[in-house]
Amino acid sequence: MKDEFYLNRRSRDRANVKIPAQYFIKSKSMRYESCTIINLSRTGAAVLFFPNEIVRSGSLVFLDVVIPKTFEQITLRGELKRVYAKGEMAVGGIKFETMLPEKVFNSLT
């Protein structure tokens, strides 16, 4: 119930998605790791990080995403605002540095 309230209080439309992505955390390494975007808005995303990955709030995150039905790849840059455990995985809330254009948001959702 708490998670549902938290997601519903956002000022921007959010979409539950399942988008495979690659990320790296600038302060950690320049090596890309796999993740899944599970919730998306024009100003941020919830990202499912796989086990063995240590992610910390305040980190600068780069997400590389291929737009479905295209070969176009975009890089989303933002700050990891919060991290919480979800089973053996970790979910991180990322606030983008710039708002996604509506066209890009619509193509991802």
N, C-alpha and C. Protein backbone atom coordinates (compact mmCIF):
# COMPACT_ATOMS: atom_id res chain seq x y z
N MET A 1 0.82 -1.20 0.00
CA MET A 1 0.00 0.00 0.00
C MET A 1 0.87 1.27 0.00
N LYS A 2 1.94 1.23 0.79
CA LYS A 2 2.83 2.39 0.85
C LYS A 2 3.44 2.68 -0.52
N ASP A 3 3.92 1.62 -1.22
CA ASP A 3 4.52 1.81 -2.55
C ASP A 3 3.51 2.38 -3.53
N GLU A 4 2.25 1.91 -3.45
CA GLU A 4 1.22 2.40 -4.36
C GLU A 4 0.98 3.89 -4.13
N PHE A 5 0.91 4.32 -2.88
CA PHE A 5 0.73 5.73 -2.56
C PHE A 5 1.91 6.53 -3.09
N TYR A 6 3.12 6.02 -2.87
CA TYR A 6 4.32 6.73 -3.27
C TYR A 6 4.33 6.97 -4.77
N LEU A 7 3.98 5.95 -5.57
CA LEU A 7 3.96 6.11 -7.02
C LEU A 7 2.85 7.03 -7.48
N ASN A 8 1.71 7.01 -6.82
CA ASN A 8 0.56 7.79 -7.25
C ASN A 8 0.65 9.27 -6.87
N ARG A 9 1.57 9.64 -6.05
CA ARG A 9 1.66 11.04 -5.63
C ARG A 9 2.50 11.89 -6.57
N ARG A 10 3.04 11.30 -7.59
CA ARG A 10 3.89 12.01 -8.54
C ARG A 10 3.10 13.03 -9.35
N SER A 11 3.78 14.10 -9.74
CA SER A 11 3.11 15.15 -10.51
C SER A 11 3.07 14.82 -12.00
N ARG A 12 3.90 13.94 -12.47
CA ARG A 12 3.95 13.56 -13.88
C ARG A 12 3.36 12.18 -14.07
N ASP A 13 2.81 11.94 -15.28
CA ASP A 13 2.32 10.61 -15.61
C ASP A 13 3.45 9.61 -15.51
N ARG A 14 3.13 8.44 -14.96
CA ARG A 14 4.10 7.36 -14.85
C ARG A 14 3.54 6.14 -15.56
N ALA A 15 4.42 5.34 -16.11
CA ALA A 15 4.00 4.13 -16.81
C ALA A 15 4.80 2.95 -16.28
N ASN A 16 4.10 1.87 -15.98
CA ASN A 16 4.78 0.63 -15.65
C ASN A 16 5.29 0.04 -16.95
N VAL A 17 6.58 -0.23 -17.01
CA VAL A 17 7.22 -0.73 -18.23
C VAL A 17 8.16 -1.87 -17.86
N LYS A 18 8.71 -2.49 -18.85
CA LYS A 18 9.76 -3.50 -18.65
C LYS A 18 10.73 -3.31 -19.81
N ILE A 19 11.65 -2.37 -19.62
CA ILE A 19 12.58 -1.99 -20.68
C ILE A 19 14.00 -2.41 -20.29
N PRO A 20 14.60 -3.33 -21.04
CA PRO A 20 15.99 -3.67 -20.76
C PRO A 20 16.89 -2.47 -21.05
N ALA A 21 17.88 -2.29 -20.21
CA ALA A 21 18.80 -1.16 -20.38
C ALA A 21 20.19 -1.56 -19.89
N GLN A 22 21.13 -0.71 -20.16
CA GLN A 22 22.49 -0.83 -19.67
C GLN A 22 22.79 0.43 -18.88
N TYR A 23 23.55 0.31 -17.81
CA TYR A 23 23.87 1.49 -17.01
C TYR A 23 25.32 1.45 -16.55
N PHE A 24 25.82 2.61 -16.21
CA PHE A 24 27.04 2.68 -15.43
C PHE A 24 26.91 3.83 -14.46
N ILE A 25 27.63 3.71 -13.37
CA ILE A 25 27.64 4.73 -12.33
C ILE A 25 29.01 5.39 -12.37
N LYS A 26 29.01 6.67 -12.63
CA LYS A 26 30.26 7.39 -12.91
C LYS A 26 31.28 7.24 -11.79
N SER A 27 30.86 7.32 -10.54
CA SER A 27 31.81 7.25 -9.43
C SER A 27 32.31 5.83 -9.18
N LYS A 28 31.62 4.84 -9.76
CA LYS A 28 31.98 3.44 -9.52
C LYS A 28 32.89 2.89 -10.60
N SER A 29 32.43 2.94 -11.83
CA SER A 29 33.25 2.46 -12.95
C SER A 29 32.59 2.89 -14.25
N MET A 30 33.32 2.76 -15.33
CA MET A 30 32.79 3.10 -16.64
C MET A 30 32.29 1.85 -17.36
N ARG A 31 32.19 0.74 -16.64
CA ARG A 31 31.74 -0.52 -17.22
C ARG A 31 30.22 -0.59 -17.15
N TYR A 32 29.61 -0.93 -18.27
CA TYR A 32 28.16 -1.05 -18.32
C TYR A 32 27.69 -2.36 -17.70
N GLU A 33 26.57 -2.29 -16.99
CA GLU A 33 25.92 -3.45 -16.40
C GLU A 33 24.47 -3.48 -16.89
N SER A 34 23.84 -4.63 -16.83
CA SER A 34 22.43 -4.75 -17.25
C SER A 34 21.49 -4.36 -16.12
N CYS A 35 20.36 -3.80 -16.50
CA CYS A 35 19.30 -3.46 -15.56
C CYS A 35 17.98 -3.46 -16.33
N THR A 36 16.88 -3.25 -15.62
CA THR A 36 15.57 -3.15 -16.25
C THR A 36 14.84 -1.94 -15.70
N ILE A 37 14.35 -1.09 -16.58
CA ILE A 37 13.51 0.03 -16.16
C ILE A 37 12.11 -0.52 -15.95
N ILE A 38 11.55 -0.35 -14.74
CA ILE A 38 10.25 -0.93 -14.43
C ILE A 38 9.15 0.12 -14.28
N ASN A 39 9.52 1.38 -14.20
CA ASN A 39 8.55 2.45 -14.08
C ASN A 39 9.19 3.70 -14.66
N LEU A 40 8.43 4.46 -15.45
CA LEU A 40 9.03 5.58 -16.17
C LEU A 40 8.10 6.78 -16.17
N SER A 41 8.67 7.95 -15.97
CA SER A 41 7.97 9.21 -16.18
C SER A 41 8.89 10.09 -17.00
N ARG A 42 8.45 11.27 -17.32
CA ARG A 42 9.30 12.17 -18.10
C ARG A 42 10.43 12.75 -17.25
N THR A 43 10.32 12.63 -15.92
CA THR A 43 11.33 13.22 -15.04
C THR A 43 12.15 12.18 -14.28
N GLY A 44 11.81 10.90 -14.41
CA GLY A 44 12.57 9.90 -13.67
C GLY A 44 12.14 8.49 -13.97
N ALA A 45 12.79 7.54 -13.30
CA ALA A 45 12.51 6.14 -13.53
C ALA A 45 12.82 5.32 -12.29
N ALA A 46 12.12 4.19 -12.17
CA ALA A 46 12.47 3.16 -11.19
C ALA A 46 13.20 2.08 -11.97
N VAL A 47 14.37 1.70 -11.48
CA VAL A 47 15.21 0.75 -12.18
C VAL A 47 15.51 -0.44 -11.28
N LEU A 48 15.36 -1.63 -11.85
CA LEU A 48 15.65 -2.87 -11.14
C LEU A 48 17.10 -3.25 -11.43
N PHE A 49 17.91 -3.24 -10.37
CA PHE A 49 19.32 -3.61 -10.49
C PHE A 49 19.48 -5.06 -10.07
N PHE A 50 20.35 -5.78 -10.74
CA PHE A 50 20.54 -7.20 -10.47
C PHE A 50 21.41 -7.41 -9.25
N PRO A 51 21.34 -8.62 -8.66
CA PRO A 51 22.16 -8.91 -7.47
C PRO A 51 23.64 -8.69 -7.77
N ASN A 52 24.39 -8.54 -6.75
CA ASN A 52 25.84 -8.33 -6.82
C ASN A 52 26.22 -6.91 -7.21
N GLU A 53 25.25 -6.08 -7.52
CA GLU A 53 25.55 -4.69 -7.87
C GLU A 53 25.32 -3.81 -6.64
N ILE A 54 26.30 -3.02 -6.31
CA ILE A 54 26.17 -2.11 -5.18
C ILE A 54 25.87 -0.73 -5.75
N VAL A 55 24.67 -0.24 -5.47
CA VAL A 55 24.27 1.09 -5.93
C VAL A 55 23.95 1.93 -4.71
N ARG A 56 24.32 3.20 -4.75
CA ARG A 56 24.14 4.08 -3.60
C ARG A 56 23.42 5.36 -4.00
N SER A 57 22.59 5.83 -3.10
CA SER A 57 21.90 7.11 -3.31
C SER A 57 22.93 8.21 -3.53
N GLY A 58 22.59 9.15 -4.40
CA GLY A 58 23.47 10.27 -4.69
C GLY A 58 24.38 10.04 -5.88
N SER A 59 24.45 8.81 -6.38
CA SER A 59 25.32 8.49 -7.51
C SER A 59 24.77 9.05 -8.81
N LEU A 60 25.66 9.42 -9.71
CA LEU A 60 25.29 9.86 -11.05
C LEU A 60 25.21 8.61 -11.93
N VAL A 61 24.03 8.37 -12.53
CA VAL A 61 23.78 7.16 -13.30
C VAL A 61 23.53 7.52 -14.76
N PHE A 62 24.11 6.73 -15.65
CA PHE A 62 23.88 6.85 -17.09
C PHE A 62 23.15 5.59 -17.54
N LEU A 63 21.97 5.74 -18.12
CA LEU A 63 21.18 4.62 -18.64
C LEU A 63 21.17 4.68 -20.16
N ASP A 64 21.59 3.61 -20.80
CA ASP A 64 21.49 3.50 -22.25
C ASP A 64 20.30 2.62 -22.59
N VAL A 65 19.40 3.15 -23.42
CA VAL A 65 18.15 2.48 -23.75
C VAL A 65 17.96 2.50 -25.26
N VAL A 66 17.54 1.38 -25.82
CA VAL A 66 17.18 1.34 -27.23
C VAL A 66 15.67 1.55 -27.31
N ILE A 67 15.26 2.52 -28.12
CA ILE A 67 13.83 2.80 -28.27
C ILE A 67 13.20 1.66 -29.04
N PRO A 68 12.13 1.05 -28.48
CA PRO A 68 11.49 -0.09 -29.15
C PRO A 68 11.09 0.22 -30.59
N LYS A 69 11.20 -0.81 -31.43
CA LYS A 69 10.84 -0.74 -32.85
C LYS A 69 11.72 0.21 -33.66
N THR A 70 12.86 0.57 -33.09
CA THR A 70 13.83 1.40 -33.81
C THR A 70 15.22 0.87 -33.49
N PHE A 71 16.21 1.44 -34.12
CA PHE A 71 17.59 1.15 -33.76
C PHE A 71 18.19 2.33 -33.01
N GLU A 72 17.34 3.28 -32.64
CA GLU A 72 17.81 4.48 -31.97
C GLU A 72 18.10 4.20 -30.50
N GLN A 73 19.29 4.61 -30.08
CA GLN A 73 19.69 4.46 -28.69
C GLN A 73 19.79 5.83 -28.05
N ILE A 74 19.30 5.94 -26.83
CA ILE A 74 19.40 7.21 -26.11
C ILE A 74 20.10 6.95 -24.78
N THR A 75 20.73 7.98 -24.26
CA THR A 75 21.35 7.92 -22.94
C THR A 75 20.60 8.86 -22.02
N LEU A 76 20.12 8.31 -20.92
CA LEU A 76 19.43 9.09 -19.90
C LEU A 76 20.39 9.27 -18.73
N ARG A 77 20.50 10.49 -18.25
CA ARG A 77 21.45 10.79 -17.19
C ARG A 77 20.67 11.33 -16.00
N GLY A 78 20.97 10.81 -14.80
CA GLY A 78 20.26 11.30 -13.64
C GLY A 78 20.92 10.90 -12.33
N GLU A 79 20.34 11.38 -11.26
CA GLU A 79 20.85 11.10 -9.92
C GLU A 79 20.03 10.01 -9.27
N LEU A 80 20.71 9.05 -8.67
CA LEU A 80 20.05 7.98 -7.94
C LEU A 80 19.60 8.57 -6.60
N LYS A 81 18.30 8.73 -6.44
CA LYS A 81 17.74 9.41 -5.27
C LYS A 81 17.52 8.48 -4.09
N ARG A 82 17.09 7.24 -4.38
CA ARG A 82 16.83 6.28 -3.30
C ARG A 82 17.01 4.87 -3.82
N VAL A 83 17.33 3.97 -2.92
CA VAL A 83 17.51 2.56 -3.27
C VAL A 83 16.83 1.74 -2.18
N TYR A 84 16.10 0.71 -2.59
CA TYR A 84 15.52 -0.20 -1.60
C TYR A 84 15.56 -1.62 -2.14
N ALA A 85 15.57 -2.58 -1.20
CA ALA A 85 15.63 -3.99 -1.57
C ALA A 85 14.27 -4.47 -2.04
N LYS A 86 14.29 -5.35 -3.05
CA LYS A 86 13.09 -6.01 -3.54
C LYS A 86 13.50 -7.46 -3.78
N GLY A 87 13.30 -8.29 -2.75
CA GLY A 87 13.80 -9.66 -2.81
C GLY A 87 15.31 -9.62 -2.85
N GLU A 88 15.89 -10.35 -3.80
CA GLU A 88 17.34 -10.36 -3.94
C GLU A 88 17.85 -9.21 -4.80
N MET A 89 16.93 -8.46 -5.38
CA MET A 89 17.28 -7.35 -6.27
C MET A 89 17.26 -6.03 -5.49
N ALA A 90 17.65 -4.97 -6.17
CA ALA A 90 17.56 -3.62 -5.62
C ALA A 90 16.81 -2.76 -6.62
N VAL A 91 15.96 -1.87 -6.12
CA VAL A 91 15.25 -0.93 -6.97
C VAL A 91 15.76 0.47 -6.64
N GLY A 92 16.13 1.19 -7.69
CA GLY A 92 16.62 2.55 -7.49
C GLY A 92 15.72 3.55 -8.18
N GLY A 93 15.47 4.66 -7.51
CA GLY A 93 14.70 5.75 -8.08
C GLY A 93 15.66 6.79 -8.64
N ILE A 94 15.57 7.04 -9.94
CA ILE A 94 16.48 7.97 -10.60
C ILE A 94 15.71 9.20 -11.05
N LYS A 95 16.23 10.37 -10.72
CA LYS A 95 15.67 11.63 -11.19
C LYS A 95 16.55 12.12 -12.33
N PHE A 96 15.93 12.25 -13.52
CA PHE A 96 16.69 12.68 -14.69
C PHE A 96 17.13 14.13 -14.56
N GLU A 97 18.28 14.44 -15.17
CA GLU A 97 18.77 15.82 -15.16
C GLU A 97 17.93 16.73 -16.03
N THR A 98 17.39 16.18 -17.12
CA THR A 98 16.50 16.95 -17.99
C THR A 98 15.26 16.11 -18.27
N MET A 99 14.16 16.79 -18.48
CA MET A 99 12.90 16.11 -18.74
C MET A 99 12.93 15.43 -20.11
N LEU A 100 12.42 14.19 -20.15
CA LEU A 100 12.31 13.48 -21.44
C LEU A 100 11.34 14.22 -22.35
N PRO A 101 11.67 14.39 -23.60
CA PRO A 101 10.70 14.95 -24.54
C PRO A 101 9.48 14.02 -24.59
N GLU A 102 8.32 14.58 -24.76
CA GLU A 102 7.09 13.79 -24.77
C GLU A 102 7.13 12.68 -25.83
N LYS A 103 7.68 12.98 -27.00
CA LYS A 103 7.78 11.99 -28.06
C LYS A 103 8.61 10.77 -27.63
N VAL A 104 9.72 11.00 -26.94
CA VAL A 104 10.57 9.91 -26.45
C VAL A 104 9.83 9.13 -25.37
N PHE A 105 9.20 9.83 -24.44
CA PHE A 105 8.43 9.15 -23.39
C PHE A 105 7.37 8.25 -24.01
N ASN A 106 6.63 8.78 -24.97
CA ASN A 106 5.56 8.01 -25.61
C ASN A 106 6.11 6.79 -26.36
N SER A 107 7.28 6.92 -26.95
CA SER A 107 7.85 5.79 -27.69
C SER A 107 8.37 4.70 -26.74
N LEU A 108 8.67 5.06 -25.51
CA LEU A 108 9.16 4.09 -24.53
C LEU A 108 8.04 3.43 -23.72
N THR A 109 6.86 4.04 -23.75
CA THR A 109 5.77 3.49 -22.92
C THR A 109 4.68 2.82 -23.75
